[in-house]
Amino acid sequence: MDGRETDIGSRLRRLREARGISLSALARSAGIGKATLSGLELGTRNPTLETLYAVAGALGVPLTTLVLEPGAPPAEAVHVPGAAVTATLLEVFEEPTATFELLRMRVRPGIVQHSPPHAPGVTEHVTVYAGVLRAGPADAPLVAAPGEHISWQADVPHVYSTVGPDEALATLLIRSPRQN
């Protein structure tokens, strides 16, 4: 660990406490173990992309709220790998009613990444540049080849994988409506 996990943990604890949510309640809501959540907050556990998305969804915040200090440039976001997906934050766009996170995404072949639901109303929009991507709701994933675009309501469990032996390269735009 390089110490940046402590930054994630500090932001996570501040958000949880500001909402008056106990460690147990947030762990239950995110579908993760209390020990895992405690380790994340203390900076003693390496977060996975899947775990951070589960916690962010349970808190009703975009992932960047956990991996990037407010006002910091996207290049300073903590890199968190997933089972199949490696994503690099390119930009965060803030509008009065929503936050948009633009990511470059690589999806390794032979692995299915299961992503937990995001907060209500979150949508994902993917444009594929290389390879063939299967992504979307876990019960009905969509397929896109180079030059194609797919999108879905991401407030349900969803998946990412490739079709065939090649890595898929894409951009991912996540739209998160502001929670009141």
N, C-alpha and C. Protein backbone atom coordinates (compact mmCIF):
# COMPACT_ATOMS: atom_id res chain seq x y z
N MET A 1 0.85 -1.18 0.00
CA MET A 1 0.00 0.00 0.00
C MET A 1 0.89 1.24 0.00
N ASP A 2 0.43 2.29 -0.67
CA ASP A 2 1.24 3.49 -0.77
C ASP A 2 0.74 4.62 0.10
N GLY A 3 -0.18 4.37 1.01
CA GLY A 3 -0.70 5.41 1.87
C GLY A 3 -1.94 6.07 1.34
N ARG A 4 -2.20 5.92 0.04
CA ARG A 4 -3.38 6.56 -0.54
C ARG A 4 -4.66 5.83 -0.12
N GLU A 5 -4.53 4.55 0.30
CA GLU A 5 -5.69 3.83 0.82
C GLU A 5 -6.21 4.51 2.08
N THR A 6 -5.29 5.13 2.85
CA THR A 6 -5.69 5.87 4.04
C THR A 6 -6.56 7.06 3.65
N ASP A 7 -6.23 7.70 2.51
CA ASP A 7 -7.04 8.82 2.02
C ASP A 7 -8.45 8.35 1.70
N ILE A 8 -8.57 7.20 1.03
CA ILE A 8 -9.89 6.64 0.73
C ILE A 8 -10.62 6.37 2.03
N GLY A 9 -9.94 5.75 2.99
CA GLY A 9 -10.55 5.42 4.27
C GLY A 9 -11.03 6.64 5.01
N SER A 10 -10.25 7.70 5.01
CA SER A 10 -10.64 8.94 5.69
C SER A 10 -11.88 9.56 5.04
N ARG A 11 -11.89 9.60 3.71
CA ARG A 11 -13.06 10.14 3.01
C ARG A 11 -14.29 9.28 3.29
N LEU A 12 -14.10 7.97 3.26
CA LEU A 12 -15.20 7.04 3.52
C LEU A 12 -15.78 7.25 4.92
N ARG A 13 -14.91 7.31 5.92
CA ARG A 13 -15.37 7.50 7.29
C ARG A 13 -16.11 8.83 7.44
N ARG A 14 -15.57 9.92 6.86
CA ARG A 14 -16.23 11.23 6.94
C ARG A 14 -17.63 11.17 6.34
N LEU A 15 -17.76 10.55 5.17
CA LEU A 15 -19.07 10.44 4.51
C LEU A 15 -20.04 9.63 5.36
N ARG A 16 -19.57 8.51 5.86
CA ARG A 16 -20.43 7.64 6.67
C ARG A 16 -20.90 8.37 7.93
N GLU A 17 -19.97 9.00 8.63
CA GLU A 17 -20.32 9.70 9.86
C GLU A 17 -21.22 10.91 9.59
N ALA A 18 -20.97 11.63 8.50
CA ALA A 18 -21.81 12.79 8.16
C ALA A 18 -23.26 12.38 7.91
N ARG A 19 -23.44 11.15 7.45
CA ARG A 19 -24.79 10.64 7.19
C ARG A 19 -25.39 9.94 8.41
N GLY A 20 -24.60 9.83 9.48
CA GLY A 20 -25.09 9.19 10.70
C GLY A 20 -25.32 7.70 10.55
N ILE A 21 -24.49 7.05 9.71
CA ILE A 21 -24.65 5.62 9.45
C ILE A 21 -23.58 4.86 10.23
N SER A 22 -23.97 3.81 10.92
CA SER A 22 -22.99 3.00 11.64
C SER A 22 -22.19 2.15 10.65
N LEU A 23 -21.04 1.69 11.11
CA LEU A 23 -20.20 0.81 10.31
C LEU A 23 -20.97 -0.44 9.91
N SER A 24 -21.69 -1.02 10.88
CA SER A 24 -22.48 -2.23 10.61
C SER A 24 -23.56 -1.98 9.57
N ALA A 25 -24.27 -0.86 9.70
CA ALA A 25 -25.36 -0.56 8.77
C ALA A 25 -24.84 -0.34 7.36
N LEU A 26 -23.72 0.37 7.21
CA LEU A 26 -23.18 0.59 5.87
C LEU A 26 -22.67 -0.71 5.27
N ALA A 27 -21.99 -1.53 6.08
CA ALA A 27 -21.51 -2.81 5.57
C ALA A 27 -22.68 -3.66 5.08
N ARG A 28 -23.75 -3.71 5.85
CA ARG A 28 -24.94 -4.48 5.47
C ARG A 28 -25.54 -3.93 4.17
N SER A 29 -25.69 -2.61 4.10
CA SER A 29 -26.28 -1.97 2.93
C SER A 29 -25.43 -2.19 1.67
N ALA A 30 -24.10 -2.19 1.83
CA ALA A 30 -23.20 -2.38 0.68
C ALA A 30 -22.99 -3.85 0.35
N GLY A 31 -23.43 -4.75 1.25
CA GLY A 31 -23.26 -6.17 1.00
C GLY A 31 -21.83 -6.64 1.18
N ILE A 32 -21.10 -5.99 2.08
CA ILE A 32 -19.72 -6.40 2.36
C ILE A 32 -19.57 -6.67 3.85
N GLY A 33 -18.50 -7.31 4.25
CA GLY A 33 -18.26 -7.61 5.65
C GLY A 33 -17.89 -6.37 6.44
N LYS A 34 -18.29 -6.36 7.70
CA LYS A 34 -17.96 -5.25 8.59
C LYS A 34 -16.44 -5.12 8.74
N ALA A 35 -15.73 -6.25 8.83
CA ALA A 35 -14.27 -6.22 8.95
C ALA A 35 -13.63 -5.61 7.70
N THR A 36 -14.20 -5.90 6.54
CA THR A 36 -13.69 -5.32 5.29
C THR A 36 -13.87 -3.82 5.30
N LEU A 37 -15.06 -3.36 5.69
CA LEU A 37 -15.33 -1.93 5.73
C LEU A 37 -14.43 -1.23 6.75
N SER A 38 -14.27 -1.85 7.91
CA SER A 38 -13.39 -1.28 8.93
C SER A 38 -11.96 -1.17 8.42
N GLY A 39 -11.48 -2.21 7.74
CA GLY A 39 -10.14 -2.20 7.17
C GLY A 39 -9.97 -1.12 6.11
N LEU A 40 -11.02 -0.88 5.32
CA LEU A 40 -10.97 0.19 4.32
C LEU A 40 -10.85 1.54 5.02
N GLU A 41 -11.67 1.75 6.05
CA GLU A 41 -11.65 3.03 6.75
C GLU A 41 -10.30 3.27 7.44
N LEU A 42 -9.70 2.22 7.94
CA LEU A 42 -8.41 2.35 8.62
C LEU A 42 -7.23 2.40 7.65
N GLY A 43 -7.47 2.08 6.38
CA GLY A 43 -6.41 2.07 5.39
C GLY A 43 -5.52 0.85 5.48
N THR A 44 -6.03 -0.22 6.12
CA THR A 44 -5.24 -1.44 6.27
C THR A 44 -5.61 -2.51 5.25
N ARG A 45 -6.64 -2.26 4.45
CA ARG A 45 -7.07 -3.19 3.40
C ARG A 45 -6.97 -2.52 2.06
N ASN A 46 -6.52 -3.27 1.06
CA ASN A 46 -6.52 -2.77 -0.31
C ASN A 46 -7.93 -2.83 -0.85
N PRO A 47 -8.48 -1.69 -1.27
CA PRO A 47 -9.84 -1.72 -1.82
C PRO A 47 -9.85 -2.32 -3.22
N THR A 48 -10.94 -2.97 -3.57
CA THR A 48 -11.15 -3.40 -4.96
C THR A 48 -12.19 -2.47 -5.57
N LEU A 49 -12.20 -2.43 -6.88
CA LEU A 49 -13.17 -1.60 -7.58
C LEU A 49 -14.59 -2.02 -7.23
N GLU A 50 -14.82 -3.32 -7.16
CA GLU A 50 -16.16 -3.82 -6.85
C GLU A 50 -16.60 -3.38 -5.45
N THR A 51 -15.69 -3.47 -4.47
CA THR A 51 -16.03 -3.07 -3.10
C THR A 51 -16.31 -1.58 -3.01
N LEU A 52 -15.47 -0.77 -3.65
CA LEU A 52 -15.69 0.68 -3.59
C LEU A 52 -16.97 1.09 -4.28
N TYR A 53 -17.31 0.43 -5.40
CA TYR A 53 -18.58 0.74 -6.05
C TYR A 53 -19.75 0.35 -5.15
N ALA A 54 -19.64 -0.76 -4.43
CA ALA A 54 -20.70 -1.17 -3.52
C ALA A 54 -20.89 -0.14 -2.41
N VAL A 55 -19.80 0.34 -1.85
CA VAL A 55 -19.87 1.33 -0.77
C VAL A 55 -20.39 2.67 -1.31
N ALA A 56 -19.87 3.10 -2.46
CA ALA A 56 -20.33 4.35 -3.06
C ALA A 56 -21.83 4.29 -3.36
N GLY A 57 -22.28 3.15 -3.89
CA GLY A 57 -23.71 2.98 -4.19
C GLY A 57 -24.55 3.06 -2.92
N ALA A 58 -24.09 2.41 -1.86
CA ALA A 58 -24.83 2.42 -0.60
C ALA A 58 -24.87 3.83 0.00
N LEU A 59 -23.82 4.62 -0.23
CA LEU A 59 -23.80 5.99 0.27
C LEU A 59 -24.49 6.97 -0.68
N GLY A 60 -24.77 6.52 -1.91
CA GLY A 60 -25.43 7.39 -2.89
C GLY A 60 -24.50 8.45 -3.45
N VAL A 61 -23.20 8.10 -3.62
CA VAL A 61 -22.23 9.06 -4.15
C VAL A 61 -21.49 8.44 -5.33
N PRO A 62 -20.96 9.26 -6.24
CA PRO A 62 -20.12 8.73 -7.31
C PRO A 62 -18.82 8.16 -6.74
N LEU A 63 -18.22 7.22 -7.44
CA LEU A 63 -16.97 6.61 -7.00
C LEU A 63 -15.89 7.66 -6.76
N THR A 64 -15.85 8.70 -7.58
CA THR A 64 -14.79 9.70 -7.44
C THR A 64 -14.84 10.39 -6.07
N THR A 65 -15.97 10.38 -5.40
CA THR A 65 -16.06 10.95 -4.06
C THR A 65 -15.14 10.21 -3.10
N LEU A 66 -14.91 8.92 -3.37
CA LEU A 66 -14.04 8.12 -2.50
C LEU A 66 -12.58 8.12 -2.95
N VAL A 67 -12.32 8.20 -4.24
CA VAL A 67 -10.94 8.02 -4.74
C VAL A 67 -10.24 9.32 -5.11
N LEU A 68 -10.94 10.46 -5.00
CA LEU A 68 -10.35 11.72 -5.42
C LEU A 68 -10.74 12.81 -4.43
N GLU A 69 -9.75 13.55 -3.96
CA GLU A 69 -10.00 14.67 -3.06
C GLU A 69 -10.77 15.75 -3.83
N PRO A 70 -11.77 16.38 -3.21
CA PRO A 70 -12.53 17.42 -3.91
C PRO A 70 -11.61 18.50 -4.48
N GLY A 71 -11.83 18.84 -5.75
CA GLY A 71 -11.05 19.87 -6.42
C GLY A 71 -9.73 19.39 -7.00
N ALA A 72 -9.32 18.16 -6.69
CA ALA A 72 -8.05 17.64 -7.21
C ALA A 72 -8.23 17.22 -8.67
N PRO A 73 -7.16 17.28 -9.46
CA PRO A 73 -7.26 16.84 -10.85
C PRO A 73 -7.45 15.32 -10.94
N PRO A 74 -8.12 14.84 -11.98
CA PRO A 74 -8.37 13.40 -12.12
C PRO A 74 -7.12 12.54 -12.05
N ALA A 75 -5.98 13.06 -12.48
CA ALA A 75 -4.74 12.28 -12.45
C ALA A 75 -4.35 11.89 -11.02
N GLU A 76 -4.89 12.57 -10.01
CA GLU A 76 -4.57 12.27 -8.62
C GLU A 76 -5.51 11.23 -8.00
N ALA A 77 -6.45 10.72 -8.79
CA ALA A 77 -7.36 9.69 -8.26
C ALA A 77 -6.58 8.44 -7.90
N VAL A 78 -6.96 7.81 -6.80
CA VAL A 78 -6.34 6.57 -6.40
C VAL A 78 -6.74 5.49 -7.40
N HIS A 79 -5.76 4.75 -7.92
CA HIS A 79 -6.03 3.67 -8.87
C HIS A 79 -6.51 2.45 -8.09
N VAL A 80 -7.66 1.93 -8.47
CA VAL A 80 -8.23 0.75 -7.82
C VAL A 80 -8.58 -0.26 -8.90
N PRO A 81 -7.93 -1.43 -8.91
CA PRO A 81 -8.22 -2.43 -9.95
C PRO A 81 -9.48 -3.23 -9.65
N GLY A 82 -10.08 -3.76 -10.70
CA GLY A 82 -11.20 -4.67 -10.58
C GLY A 82 -10.79 -6.05 -11.08
N ALA A 83 -11.69 -7.01 -11.00
CA ALA A 83 -11.40 -8.37 -11.42
C ALA A 83 -11.02 -8.43 -12.90
N ALA A 84 -11.78 -7.76 -13.75
CA ALA A 84 -11.53 -7.79 -15.19
C ALA A 84 -11.23 -6.41 -15.75
N VAL A 85 -11.69 -5.38 -15.07
CA VAL A 85 -11.62 -4.01 -15.60
C VAL A 85 -10.48 -3.23 -14.95
N THR A 86 -9.72 -2.55 -15.80
CA THR A 86 -8.79 -1.54 -15.34
C THR A 86 -9.31 -0.23 -15.90
N ALA A 87 -9.63 0.71 -15.03
CA ALA A 87 -10.21 1.97 -15.47
C ALA A 87 -9.33 3.13 -15.00
N THR A 88 -9.17 4.10 -15.88
CA THR A 88 -8.39 5.30 -15.57
C THR A 88 -9.32 6.49 -15.67
N LEU A 89 -9.42 7.25 -14.60
CA LEU A 89 -10.27 8.43 -14.59
C LEU A 89 -9.65 9.50 -15.48
N LEU A 90 -10.42 9.97 -16.46
CA LEU A 90 -9.94 11.00 -17.36
C LEU A 90 -10.44 12.38 -16.95
N GLU A 91 -11.70 12.45 -16.52
CA GLU A 91 -12.29 13.74 -16.17
C GLU A 91 -13.54 13.55 -15.33
N VAL A 92 -13.84 14.54 -14.52
CA VAL A 92 -15.09 14.60 -13.76
C VAL A 92 -15.77 15.90 -14.14
N PHE A 93 -17.02 15.80 -14.56
CA PHE A 93 -17.80 16.97 -14.93
C PHE A 93 -18.92 17.14 -13.91
N GLU A 94 -19.00 18.32 -13.32
CA GLU A 94 -20.04 18.60 -12.34
C GLU A 94 -21.07 19.52 -12.97
N GLU A 95 -22.33 19.15 -12.87
CA GLU A 95 -23.43 19.99 -13.30
C GLU A 95 -24.38 20.13 -12.13
N PRO A 96 -25.29 21.08 -12.16
CA PRO A 96 -26.19 21.27 -11.01
C PRO A 96 -27.00 20.03 -10.63
N THR A 97 -27.34 19.19 -11.61
CA THR A 97 -28.20 18.05 -11.30
C THR A 97 -27.49 16.70 -11.36
N ALA A 98 -26.22 16.67 -11.81
CA ALA A 98 -25.54 15.37 -11.95
C ALA A 98 -24.03 15.54 -11.97
N THR A 99 -23.35 14.43 -11.66
CA THR A 99 -21.90 14.33 -11.81
C THR A 99 -21.64 13.31 -12.92
N PHE A 100 -20.70 13.62 -13.81
CA PHE A 100 -20.31 12.73 -14.89
C PHE A 100 -18.85 12.34 -14.67
N GLU A 101 -18.57 11.04 -14.70
CA GLU A 101 -17.21 10.54 -14.58
C GLU A 101 -16.84 9.88 -15.90
N LEU A 102 -15.78 10.37 -16.54
CA LEU A 102 -15.33 9.83 -17.82
C LEU A 102 -14.08 9.00 -17.56
N LEU A 103 -14.13 7.73 -17.96
CA LEU A 103 -13.02 6.81 -17.71
C LEU A 103 -12.59 6.11 -18.99
N ARG A 104 -11.30 5.82 -19.08
CA ARG A 104 -10.78 4.92 -20.13
C ARG A 104 -10.79 3.54 -19.49
N MET A 105 -11.27 2.54 -20.22
CA MET A 105 -11.48 1.22 -19.63
C MET A 105 -10.83 0.15 -20.50
N ARG A 106 -10.13 -0.77 -19.83
CA ARG A 106 -9.58 -1.98 -20.46
C ARG A 106 -10.26 -3.16 -19.79
N VAL A 107 -10.77 -4.08 -20.56
CA VAL A 107 -11.42 -5.27 -20.01
C VAL A 107 -10.63 -6.48 -20.49
N ARG A 108 -10.08 -7.21 -19.53
CA ARG A 108 -9.27 -8.39 -19.84
C ARG A 108 -10.17 -9.56 -20.25
N PRO A 109 -9.74 -10.35 -21.22
CA PRO A 109 -10.55 -11.50 -21.65
C PRO A 109 -10.53 -12.62 -20.61
N GLY A 110 -11.58 -13.44 -20.65
CA GLY A 110 -11.64 -14.63 -19.82
C GLY A 110 -12.12 -14.42 -18.40
N ILE A 111 -12.48 -13.20 -18.04
CA ILE A 111 -12.93 -12.89 -16.69
C ILE A 111 -14.22 -12.09 -16.78
N VAL A 112 -15.17 -12.40 -15.92
CA VAL A 112 -16.39 -11.61 -15.83
C VAL A 112 -16.31 -10.79 -14.56
N GLN A 113 -16.45 -9.49 -14.70
CA GLN A 113 -16.47 -8.62 -13.52
C GLN A 113 -17.92 -8.32 -13.18
N HIS A 114 -18.28 -8.62 -11.95
CA HIS A 114 -19.63 -8.34 -11.44
C HIS A 114 -19.59 -7.05 -10.66
N SER A 115 -20.39 -6.09 -11.05
CA SER A 115 -20.44 -4.80 -10.37
C SER A 115 -21.76 -4.66 -9.63
N PRO A 116 -21.71 -4.18 -8.39
CA PRO A 116 -22.93 -4.00 -7.61
C PRO A 116 -23.73 -2.82 -8.15
N PRO A 117 -24.99 -2.73 -7.76
CA PRO A 117 -25.80 -1.59 -8.21
C PRO A 117 -25.22 -0.26 -7.72
N HIS A 118 -25.33 0.74 -8.57
CA HIS A 118 -24.99 2.11 -8.17
C HIS A 118 -26.23 2.70 -7.49
N ALA A 119 -26.13 3.95 -7.09
CA ALA A 119 -27.27 4.64 -6.48
C ALA A 119 -28.41 4.75 -7.50
N PRO A 120 -29.64 4.94 -7.03
CA PRO A 120 -30.78 5.07 -7.94
C PRO A 120 -30.56 6.16 -9.00
N GLY A 121 -30.92 5.84 -10.24
CA GLY A 121 -30.84 6.80 -11.33
C GLY A 121 -29.52 6.88 -12.06
N VAL A 122 -28.49 6.15 -11.60
CA VAL A 122 -27.18 6.18 -12.26
C VAL A 122 -27.27 5.44 -13.59
N THR A 123 -26.67 6.02 -14.63
CA THR A 123 -26.61 5.36 -15.93
C THR A 123 -25.15 5.24 -16.36
N GLU A 124 -24.86 4.21 -17.15
CA GLU A 124 -23.53 4.02 -17.71
C GLU A 124 -23.63 4.01 -19.23
N HIS A 125 -22.64 4.63 -19.86
CA HIS A 125 -22.60 4.78 -21.32
C HIS A 125 -21.20 4.39 -21.78
N VAL A 126 -21.11 3.37 -22.64
CA VAL A 126 -19.83 2.83 -23.07
C VAL A 126 -19.71 2.92 -24.59
N THR A 127 -18.55 3.39 -25.05
CA THR A 127 -18.21 3.37 -26.46
C THR A 127 -16.97 2.49 -26.60
N VAL A 128 -17.05 1.48 -27.46
CA VAL A 128 -15.97 0.52 -27.63
C VAL A 128 -15.08 0.95 -28.78
N TYR A 129 -13.75 0.82 -28.57
CA TYR A 129 -12.77 1.18 -29.59
C TYR A 129 -12.02 -0.03 -30.14
N ALA A 130 -11.88 -1.09 -29.34
CA ALA A 130 -11.19 -2.29 -29.79
C ALA A 130 -11.76 -3.48 -29.03
N GLY A 131 -11.75 -4.64 -29.67
CA GLY A 131 -12.31 -5.83 -29.04
C GLY A 131 -13.83 -5.79 -29.04
N VAL A 132 -14.42 -6.80 -28.44
CA VAL A 132 -15.88 -6.86 -28.33
C VAL A 132 -16.22 -6.96 -26.84
N LEU A 133 -17.08 -6.07 -26.40
CA LEU A 133 -17.43 -5.97 -24.99
C LEU A 133 -18.85 -6.48 -24.74
N ARG A 134 -19.00 -7.24 -23.67
CA ARG A 134 -20.33 -7.62 -23.18
C ARG A 134 -20.46 -6.91 -21.83
N ALA A 135 -21.47 -6.04 -21.70
CA ALA A 135 -21.64 -5.27 -20.47
C ALA A 135 -23.10 -4.87 -20.32
N GLY A 136 -23.47 -4.59 -19.10
CA GLY A 136 -24.83 -4.12 -18.83
C GLY A 136 -25.46 -4.91 -17.71
N PRO A 137 -26.77 -4.84 -17.59
CA PRO A 137 -27.46 -5.53 -16.50
C PRO A 137 -27.07 -7.02 -16.48
N ALA A 138 -26.82 -7.54 -15.29
CA ALA A 138 -26.37 -8.93 -15.16
C ALA A 138 -27.32 -9.92 -15.80
N ASP A 139 -28.61 -9.62 -15.79
CA ASP A 139 -29.59 -10.54 -16.35
C ASP A 139 -29.83 -10.35 -17.85
N ALA A 140 -29.26 -9.30 -18.44
CA ALA A 140 -29.44 -9.06 -19.87
C ALA A 140 -28.33 -8.17 -20.41
N PRO A 141 -27.06 -8.65 -20.37
CA PRO A 141 -25.96 -7.80 -20.86
C PRO A 141 -26.08 -7.53 -22.35
N LEU A 142 -25.50 -6.42 -22.76
CA LEU A 142 -25.49 -5.97 -24.14
C LEU A 142 -24.11 -6.25 -24.74
N VAL A 143 -24.01 -6.26 -26.04
CA VAL A 143 -22.74 -6.51 -26.72
C VAL A 143 -22.45 -5.35 -27.66
N ALA A 144 -21.19 -4.90 -27.65
CA ALA A 144 -20.78 -3.82 -28.55
C ALA A 144 -19.41 -4.13 -29.13
N ALA A 145 -19.28 -3.88 -30.42
CA ALA A 145 -18.03 -4.06 -31.16
C ALA A 145 -17.41 -2.67 -31.37
N PRO A 146 -16.20 -2.61 -31.95
CA PRO A 146 -15.58 -1.31 -32.16
C PRO A 146 -16.49 -0.34 -32.91
N GLY A 147 -16.55 0.89 -32.39
CA GLY A 147 -17.38 1.92 -32.98
C GLY A 147 -18.82 1.93 -32.48
N GLU A 148 -19.18 0.96 -31.66
CA GLU A 148 -20.56 0.89 -31.16
C GLU A 148 -20.65 1.41 -29.73
N HIS A 149 -21.87 1.79 -29.37
CA HIS A 149 -22.16 2.38 -28.07
C HIS A 149 -23.28 1.60 -27.39
N ILE A 150 -23.18 1.38 -26.09
CA ILE A 150 -24.25 0.78 -25.31
C ILE A 150 -24.44 1.60 -24.04
N SER A 151 -25.65 1.57 -23.50
CA SER A 151 -25.91 2.26 -22.23
C SER A 151 -27.00 1.52 -21.49
N TRP A 152 -27.04 1.71 -20.16
CA TRP A 152 -28.01 1.03 -19.32
C TRP A 152 -28.18 1.75 -17.99
N GLN A 153 -29.27 1.44 -17.32
CA GLN A 153 -29.51 1.88 -15.95
C GLN A 153 -28.58 1.06 -15.07
N ALA A 154 -27.67 1.71 -14.35
CA ALA A 154 -26.65 1.00 -13.59
C ALA A 154 -27.00 0.88 -12.11
N ASP A 155 -28.27 1.10 -11.77
CA ASP A 155 -28.69 0.94 -10.38
C ASP A 155 -29.20 -0.48 -10.13
N VAL A 156 -28.70 -1.39 -10.97
CA VAL A 156 -28.95 -2.83 -10.82
C VAL A 156 -27.59 -3.53 -10.94
N PRO A 157 -27.47 -4.77 -10.47
CA PRO A 157 -26.20 -5.49 -10.67
C PRO A 157 -25.88 -5.55 -12.17
N HIS A 158 -24.61 -5.31 -12.50
CA HIS A 158 -24.22 -5.34 -13.91
C HIS A 158 -22.85 -6.00 -14.05
N VAL A 159 -22.51 -6.33 -15.29
CA VAL A 159 -21.31 -7.11 -15.57
C VAL A 159 -20.50 -6.48 -16.71
N TYR A 160 -19.22 -6.87 -16.74
CA TYR A 160 -18.31 -6.50 -17.84
C TYR A 160 -17.51 -7.75 -18.19
N SER A 161 -17.40 -8.05 -19.47
CA SER A 161 -16.54 -9.13 -19.95
C SER A 161 -16.30 -8.90 -21.44
N THR A 162 -15.41 -9.70 -21.99
CA THR A 162 -15.16 -9.62 -23.42
C THR A 162 -15.86 -10.77 -24.12
N VAL A 163 -16.04 -10.62 -25.41
CA VAL A 163 -16.51 -11.70 -26.26
C VAL A 163 -15.31 -12.07 -27.11
N GLY A 164 -14.83 -13.28 -26.96
CA GLY A 164 -13.65 -13.70 -27.70
C GLY A 164 -12.38 -13.51 -26.89
N PRO A 165 -11.24 -13.76 -27.55
CA PRO A 165 -9.97 -13.81 -26.83
C PRO A 165 -9.26 -12.46 -26.66
N ASP A 166 -9.79 -11.40 -27.25
CA ASP A 166 -9.10 -10.12 -27.24
C ASP A 166 -9.58 -9.20 -26.12
N GLU A 167 -8.66 -8.39 -25.63
CA GLU A 167 -8.99 -7.35 -24.65
C GLU A 167 -9.93 -6.34 -25.31
N ALA A 168 -10.83 -5.76 -24.54
CA ALA A 168 -11.70 -4.70 -25.05
C ALA A 168 -11.22 -3.37 -24.49
N LEU A 169 -11.18 -2.36 -25.35
CA LEU A 169 -10.82 -1.00 -24.97
C LEU A 169 -12.03 -0.11 -25.22
N ALA A 170 -12.35 0.74 -24.24
CA ALA A 170 -13.55 1.55 -24.35
C ALA A 170 -13.46 2.78 -23.47
N THR A 171 -14.39 3.69 -23.68
CA THR A 171 -14.58 4.78 -22.72
C THR A 171 -15.89 4.50 -22.00
N LEU A 172 -15.91 4.88 -20.74
CA LEU A 172 -17.09 4.70 -19.89
C LEU A 172 -17.46 6.04 -19.31
N LEU A 173 -18.70 6.46 -19.52
CA LEU A 173 -19.23 7.68 -18.92
C LEU A 173 -20.30 7.26 -17.93
N ILE A 174 -20.09 7.61 -16.67
CA ILE A 174 -21.06 7.29 -15.62
C ILE A 174 -21.76 8.59 -15.22
N ARG A 175 -23.08 8.60 -15.34
CA ARG A 175 -23.88 9.76 -14.95
C ARG A 175 -24.57 9.45 -13.63
N SER A 176 -24.25 10.24 -12.61
CA SER A 176 -24.83 10.06 -11.29
C SER A 176 -25.66 11.30 -10.92
N PRO A 177 -26.99 11.14 -10.82
CA PRO A 177 -27.79 12.29 -10.42
C PRO A 177 -27.46 12.70 -8.99
N ARG A 178 -27.57 13.97 -8.71
CA ARG A 178 -27.33 14.46 -7.35
C ARG A 178 -28.39 13.90 -6.41
N GLN A 179 -27.94 13.40 -5.27
CA GLN A 179 -28.86 12.89 -4.25
C GLN A 179 -29.22 14.02 -3.31
N ASN A 180 -30.48 14.16 -3.01
CA ASN A 180 -30.92 15.23 -2.09
C ASN A 180 -30.99 14.74 -0.68
